[in-house]
Structure formats: C-alpha cells, structure tokens
Amino acid sequence: MCQFLTRLFIKKKHLEVQDSMKKYLIVGLGNIGETYENTRHNIGFKVLDYLAAQESLSFETQKLGDIATYKLKGRTFILLKPSTFMNLSGKAVLYWLTKEKIPLENLLVITDDLNLPFGSIRLKTKGSDGGHNGLKDIQDKLNTTKYNRFRFGISDTFSKGRQVDYVLGTWTDEENKNLKERLEKSIALIKSFALAGINNTMNTFNGK
C-alpha cells in the first residue's frame, strides 16, 4: 500500500512539473490609465491588447495587474499587464511567476526600446536593463538578468533633453499607419516563443 501511494505521489508531482512547463507568463510593460494608453512607452500593453482582441480574450483586474488566459495547442499563456506602474513592474512579475508556478525560462517580457528603429523586433534571453526602469525593477526582484525579453523598437528621434517627453508621447500618424503590421508580427513571435522555443523564435524574428 505504501509503495502504491509513493508511486501515486511521484506520478502526481511529475504531472505537475509537466503542466508547469506548458505554462507561459507573457508580460507587457506599460503604465496604467488613459493618459498613457497610446504612448510609445506602453507598447507592451498594446501588444497584449492586440492579441486579446484577435483571440476574443478579456482582461480581468486581479492582484498587481490585469490578467487574461489564452490556450493554444496544449500551451497556456498567462497575459499580464502590471498595474504597479512601469517602475515597479518586478513585483507583479515575481508574484505571478510564483502563483502560477511558471519556470523562469517561460517568462517573456515585452518592452519598448529606444536603441532600435521603429517597429524593429529583437528577442533576447538575457542582458542589462539598458536604463529602462521597468526592466531594472524586474531584474532586481528576480535577482537575475537572465530572463527573456522582447524588445520593440520605438527609435530615438528626439532632441537633447526630450527623452521622457518622447517615450511618454503618442505615436505619429506615420507610425500609427505601420503599427498594425508590426503588432501582427509581434503576436506571431509570442506564439512561436511557446510553440517553437526561444532559439528558433530568435532565428525567425530578430531583425525582421
């Protein structure tokens, strides 16, 4: 009887590990509130909103953020828009990784990047925060720089001393025209991250 219960316990634990490996936390960085809704700094929110609209998903306000769940080919995507404001994003990321028992390698953080031309896509498995306060807080809370981040280029076409105004500014008419195609590419990247793996996804999407 004891051996049977032991085998049952081991099997249950094995299934729990398998289930956790099929769960992914996709975090879009941004600031809450209408004031920030269409700003460059909120591209992480915008990407997740676009995915939710495509797949008829609804976000629900839960602890430290708005959450939507999306299932695809046996994978579960937990979509998170932190409600902590950009500079405290790490608290929400750590909480939901822990709550959902998602391994660190299944985390993907979507962020704006001034060092890339508008709409450029770059997927990385590690790196510094590059002066981005959201990434800095995630790094501090997770105590590592080794987590996947999806960098969406917003370019750096601003005059000296106007960086804050630029990132918190709205998209130009020309950028808005091109955003839809870039958002569709972003959604394809997110799906590929879970279905094809990080390395294949980097080879397919980086620089595209």
C-alpha atoms as a PDB file:
ATOM      1  CA  MET A   1       0.000   0.000   0.000  1.00  0.00           C
ATOM      2  CA  CYS A   2       2.840   2.382   0.925  1.00  0.00           C
ATOM      3  CA  GLN A   3       4.619   1.651  -2.361  1.00  0.00           C
ATOM      4  CA  PHE A   4       1.409   2.338  -4.302  1.00  0.00           C
ATOM      5  CA  LEU A   5       0.919   5.680  -2.533  1.00  0.00           C
ATOM      6  CA  THR A   6       4.560   6.613  -3.143  1.00  0.00           C
ATOM      7  CA  ARG A   7       4.235   5.847  -6.874  1.00  0.00           C
ATOM      8  CA  LEU A   8       0.985   7.841  -6.988  1.00  0.00           C
ATOM      9  CA  PHE A   9       2.671  10.802  -5.283  1.00  0.00           C
ATOM     10  CA  ILE A  10       5.653  10.692  -7.671  1.00  0.00           C
ATOM     11  CA  LYS A  11       3.338  10.485 -10.683  1.00  0.00           C
ATOM     12  CA  LYS A  12       1.322  13.460  -9.437  1.00  0.00           C
ATOM     13  CA  LYS A  13       4.476  15.529  -8.939  1.00  0.00           C
ATOM     14  CA  HIS A  14       5.696  14.562 -12.415  1.00  0.00           C
ATOM     15  CA  LEU A  15       2.411  15.688 -13.958  1.00  0.00           C
ATOM     16  CA  GLU A  16       2.576  18.972 -12.030  1.00  0.00           C
ATOM     17  CA  VAL A  17       6.063  19.632 -13.420  1.00  0.00           C
ATOM     18  CA  GLN A  18       4.885  18.795 -16.944  1.00  0.00           C
ATOM     19  CA  ASP A  19       1.922  21.154 -16.588  1.00  0.00           C
ATOM     20  CA  SER A  20       4.118  23.993 -15.323  1.00  0.00           C
ATOM     21  CA  MET A  21       6.436  23.593 -18.318  1.00  0.00           C
ATOM     22  CA  LYS A  22       3.466  24.209 -20.620  1.00  0.00           C
ATOM     23  CA  LYS A  23       2.538  27.500 -18.936  1.00  0.00           C
ATOM     24  CA  TYR A  24       3.983  30.818 -20.074  1.00  0.00           C
ATOM     25  CA  LEU A  25       3.883  34.252 -18.485  1.00  0.00           C
ATOM     26  CA  ILE A  26       3.768  36.955 -21.147  1.00  0.00           C
ATOM     27  CA  VAL A  27       4.235  40.377 -19.568  1.00  0.00           C
ATOM     28  CA  GLY A  28       3.548  43.615 -21.409  1.00  0.00           C
ATOM     29  CA  LEU A  29       5.155  46.610 -19.729  1.00  0.00           C
ATOM     30  CA  GLY A  30       3.337  49.916 -19.508  1.00  0.00           C
ATOM     31  CA  ASN A  31       1.671  52.459 -17.269  1.00  0.00           C
ATOM     32  CA  ILE A  32      -1.988  52.254 -16.289  1.00  0.00           C
ATOM     33  CA  GLY A  33      -4.500  54.970 -17.095  1.00  0.00           C
ATOM     34  CA  GLU A  34      -5.892  56.703 -20.182  1.00  0.00           C
ATOM     35  CA  THR A  35      -3.097  59.289 -20.123  1.00  0.00           C
ATOM     36  CA  TYR A  36      -0.565  56.628 -21.124  1.00  0.00           C
ATOM     37  CA  GLU A  37      -2.761  54.433 -23.305  1.00  0.00           C
ATOM     38  CA  ASN A  38      -1.331  55.264 -26.746  1.00  0.00           C
ATOM     39  CA  THR A  39       2.195  56.236 -25.722  1.00  0.00           C
ATOM     40  CA  ARG A  40       5.385  54.650 -27.008  1.00  0.00           C
ATOM     41  CA  HIS A  41       6.314  53.509 -23.502  1.00  0.00           C
ATOM     42  CA  ASN A  42       3.116  51.420 -23.403  1.00  0.00           C
ATOM     43  CA  ILE A  43       3.890  49.191 -26.379  1.00  0.00           C
ATOM     44  CA  GLY A  44       3.894  46.154 -24.066  1.00  0.00           C
ATOM     45  CA  PHE A  45       0.266  46.807 -23.111  1.00  0.00           C
ATOM     46  CA  LYS A  46      -0.588  47.499 -26.744  1.00  0.00           C
ATOM     47  CA  VAL A  47       0.809  44.164 -27.955  1.00  0.00           C
ATOM     48  CA  LEU A  48      -1.186  42.213 -25.353  1.00  0.00           C
ATOM     49  CA  ASP A  49      -4.352  44.208 -26.075  1.00  0.00           C
ATOM     50  CA  TYR A  50      -3.931  43.388 -29.759  1.00  0.00           C
ATOM     51  CA  LEU A  51      -3.545  39.669 -29.011  1.00  0.00           C
ATOM     52  CA  ALA A  52      -6.603  39.761 -26.734  1.00  0.00           C
ATOM     53  CA  ALA A  53      -8.680  41.461 -29.440  1.00  0.00           C
ATOM     54  CA  GLN A  54      -7.555  38.910 -32.051  1.00  0.00           C
ATOM     55  CA  GLU A  55      -8.440  35.951 -29.852  1.00  0.00           C
ATOM     56  CA  SER A  56     -11.574  37.447 -28.205  1.00  0.00           C
ATOM     57  CA  LEU A  57      -9.984  37.428 -24.755  1.00  0.00           C
ATOM     58  CA  SER A  58     -10.975  39.636 -21.818  1.00  0.00           C
ATOM     59  CA  PHE A  59      -8.633  41.019 -19.190  1.00  0.00           C
ATOM     60  CA  GLU A  60      -9.692  40.821 -15.554  1.00  0.00           C
ATOM     61  CA  THR A  61      -8.248  43.014 -12.833  1.00  0.00           C
ATOM     62  CA  GLN A  62      -6.503  40.804 -10.294  1.00  0.00           C
ATOM     63  CA  LYS A  63      -3.690  41.227  -7.799  1.00  0.00           C
ATOM     64  CA  LEU A  64      -0.975  43.569  -9.146  1.00  0.00           C
ATOM     65  CA  GLY A  65      -2.308  43.553 -12.697  1.00  0.00           C
ATOM     66  CA  ASP A  66      -4.826  42.757 -15.398  1.00  0.00           C
ATOM     67  CA  ILE A  67      -4.815  39.100 -16.452  1.00  0.00           C
ATOM     68  CA  ALA A  68      -6.079  37.199 -19.485  1.00  0.00           C
ATOM     69  CA  THR A  69      -5.576  33.488 -20.195  1.00  0.00           C
ATOM     70  CA  TYR A  70      -5.060  32.121 -23.684  1.00  0.00           C
ATOM     71  CA  LYS A  71      -4.709  28.458 -24.663  1.00  0.00           C
ATOM     72  CA  LEU A  72      -3.049  27.241 -27.848  1.00  0.00           C
ATOM     73  CA  LYS A  73      -2.002  23.697 -28.819  1.00  0.00           C
ATOM     74  CA  GLY A  74      -1.675  22.462 -25.255  1.00  0.00           C
ATOM     75  CA  ARG A  75       0.072  25.609 -24.015  1.00  0.00           C
ATOM     76  CA  THR A  76      -1.387  28.107 -21.575  1.00  0.00           C
ATOM     77  CA  PHE A  77      -0.428  31.761 -21.919  1.00  0.00           C
ATOM     78  CA  ILE A  78      -0.942  33.968 -18.857  1.00  0.00           C
ATOM     79  CA  LEU A  79      -1.029  37.525 -20.239  1.00  0.00           C
ATOM     80  CA  LEU A  80      -0.126  40.129 -17.625  1.00  0.00           C
ATOM     81  CA  LYS A  81      -0.390  43.917 -17.732  1.00  0.00           C
ATOM     82  CA  PRO A  82       1.054  45.049 -14.367  1.00  0.00           C
ATOM     83  CA  SER A  83      -0.938  47.700 -12.501  1.00  0.00           C
ATOM     84  CA  THR A  84       2.075  48.750 -10.437  1.00  0.00           C
ATOM     85  CA  PHE A  85       3.263  51.391 -12.919  1.00  0.00           C
ATOM     86  CA  MET A  86       6.373  50.799 -15.004  1.00  0.00           C
ATOM     87  CA  ASN A  87       8.996  51.392 -12.309  1.00  0.00           C
ATOM     88  CA  LEU A  88       7.590  48.656 -10.038  1.00  0.00           C
ATOM     89  CA  SER A  89       6.875  46.006 -12.693  1.00  0.00           C
ATOM     90  CA  GLY A  90       9.067  43.388 -10.998  1.00  0.00           C
ATOM     91  CA  LYS A  91       6.698  42.958  -8.073  1.00  0.00           C
ATOM     92  CA  ALA A  92       3.866  41.829 -10.375  1.00  0.00           C
ATOM     93  CA  VAL A  93       6.142  39.618 -12.471  1.00  0.00           C
ATOM     94  CA  LEU A  94       7.527  37.783  -9.431  1.00  0.00           C
ATOM     95  CA  TYR A  95       4.080  37.371  -7.892  1.00  0.00           C
ATOM     96  CA  TRP A  96       2.517  35.786 -10.995  1.00  0.00           C
ATOM     97  CA  LEU A  97       5.515  33.588 -11.768  1.00  0.00           C
ATOM     98  CA  THR A  98       5.267  32.223  -8.229  1.00  0.00           C
ATOM     99  CA  LYS A  99       1.479  31.962  -8.092  1.00  0.00           C
ATOM    100  CA  GLU A 100       1.205  30.099 -11.403  1.00  0.00           C
ATOM    101  CA  LYS A 101       4.385  28.045 -10.778  1.00  0.00           C
ATOM    102  CA  ILE A 102       5.830  29.119 -14.113  1.00  0.00           C
ATOM    103  CA  PRO A 103       9.548  28.420 -14.676  1.00  0.00           C
ATOM    104  CA  LEU A 104      11.731  31.458 -15.367  1.00  0.00           C
ATOM    105  CA  GLU A 105      12.576  30.230 -18.867  1.00  0.00           C
ATOM    106  CA  ASN A 106       8.855  30.506 -19.744  1.00  0.00           C
ATOM    107  CA  LEU A 107       8.754  34.219 -18.940  1.00  0.00           C
ATOM    108  CA  LEU A 108       8.651  36.748 -21.788  1.00  0.00           C
ATOM    109  CA  VAL A 109       8.714  40.498 -21.073  1.00  0.00           C
ATOM    110  CA  ILE A 110       7.626  42.906 -23.813  1.00  0.00           C
ATOM    111  CA  THR A 111       9.236  46.331 -23.625  1.00  0.00           C
ATOM    112  CA  ASP A 112       9.908  49.445 -25.687  1.00  0.00           C
ATOM    113  CA  ASP A 113      13.483  50.101 -26.828  1.00  0.00           C
ATOM    114  CA  LEU A 114      14.947  53.460 -27.833  1.00  0.00           C
ATOM    115  CA  ASN A 115      18.025  51.834 -29.351  1.00  0.00           C
ATOM    116  CA  LEU A 116      16.089  50.090 -32.127  1.00  0.00           C
ATOM    117  CA  PRO A 117      14.435  51.695 -35.169  1.00  0.00           C
ATOM    118  CA  PHE A 118      10.652  51.979 -35.036  1.00  0.00           C
ATOM    119  CA  GLY A 119       8.954  48.574 -35.289  1.00  0.00           C
ATOM    120  CA  SER A 120      12.190  46.570 -35.142  1.00  0.00           C
ATOM    121  CA  ILE A 121      11.947  43.358 -33.165  1.00  0.00           C
ATOM    122  CA  ARG A 122      14.666  41.797 -31.058  1.00  0.00           C
ATOM    123  CA  LEU A 123      14.303  38.813 -28.763  1.00  0.00           C
ATOM    124  CA  LYS A 124      16.991  38.224 -26.122  1.00  0.00           C
ATOM    125  CA  THR A 125      17.482  35.682 -23.336  1.00  0.00           C
ATOM    126  CA  LYS A 126      19.491  37.991 -21.065  1.00  0.00           C
ATOM    127  CA  GLY A 127      21.019  41.430 -20.839  1.00  0.00           C
ATOM    128  CA  SER A 128      21.219  44.631 -18.834  1.00  0.00           C
ATOM    129  CA  ASP A 129      18.250  46.887 -18.181  1.00  0.00           C
ATOM    130  CA  GLY A 130      19.696  49.447 -20.629  1.00  0.00           C
ATOM    131  CA  GLY A 131      18.414  52.281 -18.465  1.00  0.00           C
ATOM    132  CA  HIS A 132      14.817  51.039 -18.660  1.00  0.00           C
ATOM    133  CA  ASN A 133      13.239  51.363 -15.209  1.00  0.00           C
ATOM    134  CA  GLY A 134      10.732  48.555 -15.773  1.00  0.00           C
ATOM    135  CA  LEU A 135      13.459  46.092 -16.714  1.00  0.00           C
ATOM    136  CA  LYS A 136      15.616  47.331 -13.839  1.00  0.00           C
ATOM    137  CA  ASP A 137      12.902  46.524 -11.301  1.00  0.00           C
ATOM    138  CA  ILE A 138      12.263  43.087 -12.843  1.00  0.00           C
ATOM    139  CA  GLN A 139      15.990  42.359 -12.667  1.00  0.00           C
ATOM    140  CA  ASP A 140      16.082  43.458  -9.018  1.00  0.00           C
ATOM    141  CA  LYS A 141      13.034  41.412  -7.977  1.00  0.00           C
ATOM    142  CA  LEU A 142      14.068  38.255  -9.878  1.00  0.00           C
ATOM    143  CA  ASN A 143      17.703  38.730  -8.855  1.00  0.00           C
ATOM    144  CA  THR A 144      18.912  37.879 -12.352  1.00  0.00           C
ATOM    145  CA  THR A 145      19.482  39.411 -15.772  1.00  0.00           C
ATOM    146  CA  LYS A 146      18.767  36.049 -17.407  1.00  0.00           C
ATOM    147  CA  TYR A 147      15.144  36.279 -18.471  1.00  0.00           C
ATOM    148  CA  ASN A 148      13.594  36.533 -21.927  1.00  0.00           C
ATOM    149  CA  ARG A 149      12.725  39.973 -23.186  1.00  0.00           C
ATOM    150  CA  PHE A 150      11.059  41.044 -26.420  1.00  0.00           C
ATOM    151  CA  ARG A 151      12.328  44.498 -27.352  1.00  0.00           C
ATOM    152  CA  PHE A 152      10.095  46.560 -29.658  1.00  0.00           C
ATOM    153  CA  GLY A 153      11.899  49.461 -31.298  1.00  0.00           C
ATOM    154  CA  ILE A 154      10.485  52.952 -30.840  1.00  0.00           C
ATOM    155  CA  SER A 155      13.579  54.745 -32.282  1.00  0.00           C
ATOM    156  CA  ASP A 156      15.329  57.723 -30.717  1.00  0.00           C
ATOM    157  CA  THR A 157      14.193  60.622 -32.896  1.00  0.00           C
ATOM    158  CA  PHE A 158      14.023  63.214 -30.145  1.00  0.00           C
ATOM    159  CA  SER A 159      16.106  66.295 -29.396  1.00  0.00           C
ATOM    160  CA  LYS A 160      18.534  66.532 -26.489  1.00  0.00           C
ATOM    161  CA  GLY A 161      16.824  66.506 -23.105  1.00  0.00           C
ATOM    162  CA  ARG A 162      13.448  65.410 -24.513  1.00  0.00           C
ATOM    163  CA  GLN A 163      13.690  61.643 -23.938  1.00  0.00           C
ATOM    164  CA  VAL A 164      10.966  61.497 -21.274  1.00  0.00           C
ATOM    165  CA  ASP A 165       8.580  63.560 -23.424  1.00  0.00           C
ATOM    166  CA  TYR A 166       9.326  61.278 -26.359  1.00  0.00           C
ATOM    167  CA  VAL A 167       8.738  57.912 -24.672  1.00  0.00           C
ATOM    168  CA  LEU A 168       5.614  59.237 -22.954  1.00  0.00           C
ATOM    169  CA  GLY A 169       4.446  60.838 -26.194  1.00  0.00           C
ATOM    170  CA  THR A 170       1.921  59.341 -28.607  1.00  0.00           C
ATOM    171  CA  TRP A 171       2.714  57.669 -31.918  1.00  0.00           C
ATOM    172  CA  THR A 172       2.981  59.822 -35.022  1.00  0.00           C
ATOM    173  CA  ASP A 173       0.465  59.391 -37.856  1.00  0.00           C
ATOM    174  CA  GLU A 174       3.111  57.556 -39.880  1.00  0.00           C
ATOM    175  CA  GLU A 175       3.905  55.200 -37.000  1.00  0.00           C
ATOM    176  CA  ASN A 176       0.226  54.522 -36.404  1.00  0.00           C
ATOM    177  CA  LYS A 177      -0.147  53.514 -40.063  1.00  0.00           C
ATOM    178  CA  ASN A 178       2.573  50.895 -39.698  1.00  0.00           C
ATOM    179  CA  LEU A 179       1.707  49.653 -36.217  1.00  0.00           C
ATOM    180  CA  LYS A 180      -0.873  47.047 -37.258  1.00  0.00           C
ATOM    181  CA  GLU A 181       1.605  45.023 -39.326  1.00  0.00           C
ATOM    182  CA  ARG A 182       4.176  45.275 -36.536  1.00  0.00           C
ATOM    183  CA  LEU A 183       1.637  44.162 -33.939  1.00  0.00           C
ATOM    184  CA  GLU A 184       0.689  41.152 -36.043  1.00  0.00           C
ATOM    185  CA  LYS A 185       4.363  40.217 -36.282  1.00  0.00           C
ATOM    186  CA  SER A 186       4.618  40.595 -32.504  1.00  0.00           C
ATOM    187  CA  ILE A 187       1.714  38.204 -31.920  1.00  0.00           C
ATOM    188  CA  ALA A 188       3.315  35.642 -34.213  1.00  0.00           C
ATOM    189  CA  LEU A 189       6.521  35.949 -32.168  1.00  0.00           C
ATOM    190  CA  ILE A 190       4.710  35.340 -28.874  1.00  0.00           C
ATOM    191  CA  LYS A 191       3.043  32.201 -30.202  1.00  0.00           C
ATOM    192  CA  SER A 192       6.320  30.956 -31.659  1.00  0.00           C
ATOM    193  CA  PHE A 193       8.070  31.523 -28.308  1.00  0.00           C
ATOM    194  CA  ALA A 194       5.842  28.889 -26.700  1.00  0.00           C
ATOM    195  CA  LEU A 195       5.415  26.542 -29.661  1.00  0.00           C
ATOM    196  CA  ALA A 196       8.850  26.589 -31.330  1.00  0.00           C
ATOM    197  CA  GLY A 197      11.126  27.632 -28.454  1.00  0.00           C
ATOM    198  CA  ILE A 198      13.263  30.676 -27.803  1.00  0.00           C
ATOM    199  CA  ASN A 199      16.162  29.826 -30.142  1.00  0.00           C
ATOM    200  CA  ASN A 200      14.026  29.066 -33.179  1.00  0.00           C
ATOM    201  CA  THR A 201      11.982  32.199 -32.486  1.00  0.00           C
ATOM    202  CA  MET A 202      15.082  34.394 -32.296  1.00  0.00           C
ATOM    203  CA  ASN A 203      16.317  32.997 -35.606  1.00  0.00           C
ATOM    204  CA  THR A 204      12.947  33.602 -37.245  1.00  0.00           C
ATOM    205  CA  PHE A 205      12.060  37.059 -35.940  1.00  0.00           C
ATOM    206  CA  ASN A 206      15.134  39.003 -34.857  1.00  0.00           C
ATOM    207  CA  GLY A 207      15.732  41.948 -37.158  1.00  0.00           C
ATOM    208  CA  LYS A 208      12.520  41.281 -39.108  1.00  0.00           C
END
